[in-house]
Amino acid sequence: KVMGMKYHKSMEIIQKELEIDITPEELVIESMNNLKDLFMKCDKMPGAERLIRHLSKCGIPMCIATGSSSADFELKTHSHKRLIDLMEFTVRSDDPEVK
């Protein structure tokens, strides 16, 4: 029900569906604190670095399109900057051109 939705809207739905006894705003704050810690620990999937470097070496253009916001994307990829730099583009959920 919440895939692809803006974060605050998805927290409203989760709060209602699960009948959680806090406001959606409180749920957003609590979940963001937990997610920040998890996002900072995101590791590459097995084989991802090898594949990306191979495609880059072969001159194959690459991009990332993600449902993550720019802030979340930065947290998730902070330790993978060299790989991200091999991408021609990154498109995030809060990109002004994404509707």
Foldseek 3Di string as FASTA:
>chain_A
DCPLHDPLVSLQVVCVVVVDPDHSVVVSVVVVVVVLVVLQPADDDPPPVVVLVVCLVVVNAAEAEEAADPVSVCSNCVVPVVSNVSHPYYHYNPDPVHD
